[in-house]
Amino acid sequence: MSIGGYASGPTLNKAAAMGIPCLIQEQNSYAGVTNKLLAKKAAKICVAYEGMERFFPADKILLTGNPVRQQLLENTQTKAEALRFFGLDVSKKTVLIVGGSLGARTVNESVLKHLDDIRQSGVQFIWQTGKYYFEQIKEQLAKEEKLENLVVTDFISDMGAAYKAADLVVSRAGAGSISEFCLLGKPVILVPSPNVAEDHQTKNALALVNKEAALYVKDVEAPALLMPLAIDTVKDDAKLQTLSENILKMALPDSAEIIAKEVVSLAKK
């Protein structure tokens, strides 16, 4: 089985040459080079987006979605409990800003450029800076008037609570994260990373935007546009409802189980 890493190419080529059935999984809406090369030799191709026939043989495709962290789906907290976990006001709208475990420089810069807007917004924020940027940001914030409506952390250990607390999420557009947003029905503003192969995060984002299931800000435009858009959007109940309903329609549950059953089925042939 391959999920598209370049190192999997020689292994699956050799397996196919030996008559061993191969399965590949394409997590993104735009197929990677390795998976496109392996497609002819694969017995099954599991995908997370519709329309992947433009990359792969249609008769091999199985629409499965991407596996996600099960604890996110099993979280039984109420929204109020999640907000109290972060020390936040249960009566206020909440924006969750995440950039991955290491952080996202542009997203962080976007927040720092709009601290006054955040202070005056009437909205509260959970900001996960990433470990790489945390100390620098903490030093910078120490020079500012304290923001009572901004919770700043380098890493969020309980993402289930963070998602539960959030009315709106700001995030990069990685395949795994998008699958989580779909399954949870979370309104999201996506800021695709420009530093990925074949710009696949932008293509992931547009797959949602084209179905009115997410909003999208280009990385280069984020410092100017991202935070004003987040503040306006989280105050718009109708917009949040539309985004939530549309992204939930794209959810593909039980992905891990479906893929595992397909692997077992191939192994028995």
Protein backbone atom coordinates (compact mmCIF):
# COMPACT_ATOMS: atom_id res chain seq x y z
CA MET A 1 0.00 0.00 0.00
CA SER A 2 1.21 3.51 -0.85
CA ILE A 3 -0.04 6.95 0.18
CA GLY A 4 2.17 8.65 -2.37
CA GLY A 5 5.56 9.08 -0.73
CA TYR A 6 8.41 8.86 -3.25
CA ALA A 7 10.04 6.04 -1.27
CA SER A 8 7.01 3.83 -1.89
CA GLY A 9 7.56 3.84 -5.64
CA PRO A 10 10.31 1.21 -5.91
CA THR A 11 8.64 -1.00 -3.29
CA LEU A 12 5.27 -1.11 -5.03
CA ASN A 13 6.90 -1.51 -8.45
CA LYS A 14 8.74 -4.56 -7.18
CA ALA A 15 5.63 -5.95 -5.49
CA ALA A 16 3.61 -5.56 -8.68
CA ALA A 17 6.35 -7.28 -10.69
CA MET A 18 6.11 -10.21 -8.26
CA GLY A 19 2.35 -10.44 -8.72
CA ILE A 20 1.53 -9.03 -5.29
CA PRO A 21 -1.68 -6.93 -5.35
CA CYS A 22 -1.06 -3.25 -4.58
CA LEU A 23 -3.34 -0.55 -3.23
CA ILE A 24 -2.64 3.17 -3.30
CA GLN A 25 -4.38 5.95 -1.42
CA GLU A 26 -4.45 9.50 -2.76
CA GLN A 27 -5.26 11.91 0.07
CA ASN A 28 -5.39 15.11 -1.95
CA SER A 29 -7.69 16.44 -4.66
CA TYR A 30 -4.73 16.66 -7.03
CA ALA A 31 -2.85 13.39 -7.45
CA GLY A 32 0.83 13.27 -6.60
CA VAL A 33 3.48 12.19 -9.07
CA THR A 34 4.28 8.88 -7.36
CA ASN A 35 0.66 7.75 -7.20
CA LYS A 36 0.05 8.75 -10.82
CA LEU A 37 3.03 6.61 -11.87
CA LEU A 38 1.88 3.67 -9.75
CA ALA A 39 -1.78 3.81 -10.82
CA LYS A 40 -1.44 1.42 -13.76
CA LYS A 41 0.02 -1.27 -11.53
CA ALA A 42 -2.36 -0.79 -8.59
CA ALA A 43 -5.29 -3.14 -8.05
CA LYS A 44 -7.29 -0.49 -6.16
CA ILE A 45 -6.97 3.27 -5.75
CA CYS A 46 -8.61 4.82 -2.69
CA VAL A 47 -9.38 8.52 -3.03
CA ALA A 48 -10.80 11.30 -0.86
CA TYR A 49 -12.34 13.51 -3.55
CA GLU A 50 -14.75 13.09 -6.42
CA GLY A 51 -13.54 13.55 -9.98
CA MET A 52 -10.26 11.67 -9.58
CA GLU A 53 -10.90 9.89 -12.89
CA ARG A 54 -8.83 12.63 -14.49
CA PHE A 55 -5.77 11.06 -12.85
CA PHE A 56 -6.59 7.38 -12.43
CA PRO A 57 -8.40 4.53 -14.23
CA ALA A 58 -12.05 4.87 -13.24
CA ASP A 59 -12.58 1.13 -12.72
CA LYS A 60 -9.91 1.04 -9.99
CA ILE A 61 -11.14 4.03 -7.96
CA LEU A 62 -12.84 3.65 -4.59
CA LEU A 63 -14.09 6.82 -2.88
CA THR A 64 -13.13 6.25 0.77
CA GLY A 65 -12.03 9.59 2.23
CA ASN A 66 -9.03 9.94 4.51
CA PRO A 67 -8.67 8.30 7.94
CA VAL A 68 -8.82 10.79 10.82
CA ARG A 69 -8.09 10.73 14.55
CA GLN A 70 -10.98 8.80 16.10
CA GLN A 71 -10.81 10.72 19.38
CA LEU A 72 -12.02 13.81 17.54
CA LEU A 73 -15.24 12.05 16.60
CA GLU A 74 -15.66 10.46 20.02
CA ASN A 75 -15.40 13.71 22.01
CA THR A 76 -18.44 13.95 24.30
CA GLN A 77 -17.76 17.42 25.72
CA THR A 78 -20.39 20.08 25.36
CA LYS A 79 -19.34 23.32 23.71
CA ALA A 80 -19.61 25.10 27.06
CA GLU A 81 -17.32 22.54 28.71
CA ALA A 82 -14.78 22.94 25.91
CA LEU A 83 -14.82 26.73 26.21
CA ARG A 84 -14.32 26.54 29.97
CA PHE A 85 -11.40 24.15 29.37
CA PHE A 86 -9.66 27.01 27.56
CA GLY A 87 -10.80 29.60 30.11
CA LEU A 88 -13.11 31.28 27.61
CA ASP A 89 -16.48 33.00 27.82
CA VAL A 90 -19.32 30.63 26.92
CA SER A 91 -21.41 33.50 25.56
CA LYS A 92 -18.95 34.70 22.92
CA LYS A 93 -18.14 33.48 19.42
CA THR A 94 -14.79 31.72 19.15
CA VAL A 95 -12.23 31.43 16.35
CA LEU A 96 -9.63 28.66 16.42
CA ILE A 97 -6.38 29.48 14.57
CA VAL A 98 -4.08 26.54 13.82
CA GLY A 99 -1.02 26.14 11.64
CA GLY A 100 0.19 22.63 12.41
CA SER A 101 2.48 21.50 15.22
CA LEU A 102 5.37 23.69 14.03
CA GLY A 103 3.11 26.61 13.15
CA ALA A 104 2.52 28.62 9.99
CA ARG A 105 4.52 31.81 9.63
CA THR A 106 2.05 33.68 7.44
CA VAL A 107 -0.92 32.79 9.64
CA ASN A 108 0.97 33.98 12.72
CA GLU A 109 1.97 37.21 11.00
CA SER A 110 -1.66 37.76 10.07
CA VAL A 111 -2.66 37.62 13.73
CA LEU A 112 0.14 39.90 14.90
CA LYS A 113 -0.77 42.56 12.32
CA HIS A 114 -4.34 42.75 13.63
CA LEU A 115 -4.04 42.68 17.41
CA ASP A 116 -6.08 45.87 17.75
CA ASP A 117 -8.84 44.40 15.56
CA ILE A 118 -8.85 41.29 17.73
CA ARG A 119 -8.97 43.35 20.93
CA GLN A 120 -11.98 45.33 19.71
CA SER A 121 -13.78 42.49 17.92
CA GLY A 122 -16.04 41.19 20.68
CA VAL A 123 -14.88 37.74 19.57
CA GLN A 124 -12.47 35.39 21.35
CA PHE A 125 -9.61 33.42 19.84
CA ILE A 126 -7.62 30.26 20.49
CA TRP A 127 -4.28 30.72 18.72
CA GLN A 128 -1.95 27.78 18.29
CA THR A 129 1.31 29.37 17.18
CA GLY A 130 3.38 26.21 16.74
CA LYS A 131 6.45 25.42 18.82
CA TYR A 132 8.87 27.04 16.38
CA TYR A 133 7.29 30.51 16.72
CA PHE A 134 5.95 30.46 20.26
CA GLU A 135 8.76 32.11 22.23
CA GLN A 136 9.18 34.91 19.71
CA ILE A 137 5.44 35.60 19.69
CA LYS A 138 5.25 35.48 23.48
CA GLU A 139 7.99 38.12 23.69
CA GLN A 140 6.19 40.31 21.17
CA LEU A 141 2.85 40.02 22.96
CA ALA A 142 4.52 40.95 26.27
CA LYS A 143 5.15 44.40 24.80
CA GLU A 144 1.45 44.85 23.97
CA GLU A 145 -1.55 45.63 26.11
CA LYS A 146 -2.88 42.28 27.35
CA LEU A 147 -5.59 40.77 25.18
CA GLU A 148 -8.18 39.15 27.42
CA ASN A 149 -9.93 37.53 24.45
CA LEU A 150 -6.85 35.74 23.06
CA VAL A 151 -5.60 32.38 24.33
CA VAL A 152 -2.10 31.72 22.98
CA THR A 153 -0.45 28.30 23.05
CA ASP A 154 2.36 26.57 21.20
CA PHE A 155 0.55 23.24 20.96
CA ILE A 156 -2.97 21.98 21.57
CA SER A 157 -2.98 18.50 23.08
CA ASP A 158 -6.77 18.11 22.99
CA MET A 159 -7.85 19.05 19.48
CA GLY A 160 -11.25 17.54 20.15
CA ALA A 161 -11.89 20.23 22.76
CA ALA A 162 -10.48 22.94 20.49
CA TYR A 163 -12.77 21.99 17.62
CA LYS A 164 -15.75 21.72 19.96
CA ALA A 165 -15.09 25.22 21.30
CA ALA A 166 -14.69 26.80 17.87
CA ASP A 167 -17.41 28.44 15.81
CA LEU A 168 -14.89 28.99 13.01
CA VAL A 169 -11.47 27.50 12.24
CA VAL A 170 -8.55 29.11 10.41
CA SER A 171 -6.17 26.50 9.04
CA ARG A 172 -3.79 25.38 6.33
CA ALA A 173 -5.35 23.05 3.75
CA GLY A 174 -3.68 19.72 4.35
CA ALA A 175 -5.68 16.65 3.37
CA GLY A 176 -5.94 15.25 6.90
CA SER A 177 -7.14 18.52 8.41
CA ILE A 178 -9.76 19.00 5.71
CA SER A 179 -11.11 15.51 6.31
CA GLU A 180 -11.49 16.38 9.99
CA PHE A 181 -13.36 19.59 9.21
CA CYS A 182 -15.72 17.69 6.90
CA LEU A 183 -16.54 14.99 9.44
CA LEU A 184 -17.08 17.57 12.20
CA GLY A 185 -18.99 20.00 9.99
CA LYS A 186 -16.68 22.86 10.96
CA PRO A 187 -16.83 26.20 9.15
CA VAL A 188 -13.29 26.97 8.04
CA ILE A 189 -11.14 29.58 6.34
CA LEU A 190 -8.32 27.82 4.51
CA VAL A 191 -4.92 29.42 3.91
CA PRO A 192 -3.09 26.92 1.69
CA SER A 193 0.63 26.57 2.22
CA PRO A 194 2.57 27.62 -0.89
CA ASN A 195 5.48 25.38 0.12
CA VAL A 196 4.07 21.99 -0.91
CA ALA A 197 4.49 19.78 -3.96
CA GLU A 198 2.38 20.76 -6.98
CA ASP A 199 0.54 23.36 -4.88
CA HIS A 200 -1.85 20.61 -3.80
CA GLN A 201 -3.13 22.51 -0.75
CA THR A 202 -4.60 25.22 -2.98
CA LYS A 203 -6.31 22.52 -5.05
CA ASN A 204 -7.64 20.93 -1.84
CA ALA A 205 -9.04 24.27 -0.73
CA LEU A 206 -10.67 25.03 -4.07
CA ALA A 207 -12.40 21.64 -4.06
CA LEU A 208 -14.30 22.89 -0.99
CA VAL A 209 -14.69 26.50 -2.10
CA ASN A 210 -16.31 25.38 -5.35
CA LYS A 211 -19.04 23.72 -3.27
CA GLU A 212 -19.41 26.69 -0.90
CA ALA A 213 -18.04 24.47 1.85
CA ALA A 214 -15.11 26.69 2.91
CA LEU A 215 -13.60 30.14 2.50
CA TYR A 216 -10.13 30.62 1.07
CA VAL A 217 -7.41 33.26 1.43
CA LYS A 218 -4.19 33.13 -0.56
CA ASP A 219 -1.05 32.95 1.58
CA VAL A 220 0.33 36.17 0.09
CA GLU A 221 -2.91 38.03 0.88
CA ALA A 222 -3.41 36.63 4.38
CA PRO A 223 -1.61 39.36 6.40
CA ALA A 224 -4.02 41.95 5.05
CA LEU A 225 -7.24 39.95 4.64
CA LEU A 226 -7.33 36.94 6.93
CA MET A 227 -8.22 38.34 10.35
CA PRO A 228 -10.83 40.88 9.12
CA LEU A 229 -12.48 38.04 7.18
CA ALA A 230 -12.40 35.73 10.21
CA ILE A 231 -13.95 38.36 12.48
CA ASP A 232 -16.69 39.20 9.98
CA THR A 233 -17.45 35.55 9.21
CA VAL A 234 -17.71 34.32 12.80
CA LYS A 235 -20.31 37.02 13.50
CA ASP A 236 -22.42 35.93 10.51
CA ASP A 237 -24.64 33.09 11.76
CA ALA A 238 -26.17 32.46 8.34
CA LYS A 239 -22.73 32.13 6.73
CA LEU A 240 -21.52 29.77 9.45
CA GLN A 241 -24.62 27.62 9.00
CA THR A 242 -24.15 27.43 5.23
CA LEU A 243 -20.47 26.53 5.51
CA SER A 244 -21.21 23.89 8.14
CA GLU A 245 -23.99 22.25 6.14
CA ASN A 246 -22.00 22.19 2.91
CA ILE A 247 -18.75 20.87 4.35
CA LEU A 248 -20.65 18.15 6.22
CA LYS A 249 -22.02 16.95 2.86
CA MET A 250 -18.43 16.20 1.82
CA ALA A 251 -17.73 13.98 4.84
CA LEU A 252 -16.75 10.36 4.19
CA PRO A 253 -16.95 8.46 7.50
CA ASP A 254 -15.31 5.14 8.42
CA SER A 255 -12.45 5.67 5.95
CA ALA A 256 -9.87 3.68 7.89
CA GLU A 257 -12.18 0.66 8.20
CA ILE A 258 -13.15 0.75 4.52
CA ILE A 259 -9.51 0.96 3.39
CA ALA A 260 -8.45 -1.79 5.80
CA LYS A 261 -11.17 -4.12 4.50
CA GLU A 262 -10.03 -3.47 0.95
CA VAL A 263 -6.43 -4.31 1.90
CA VAL A 264 -7.55 -7.56 3.53
CA SER A 265 -9.68 -8.41 0.52
CA LEU A 266 -6.73 -7.91 -1.84
CA ALA A 267 -4.45 -9.96 0.43
CA LYS A 268 -6.82 -12.92 0.19
CA LYS A 269 -6.78 -12.96 -3.61
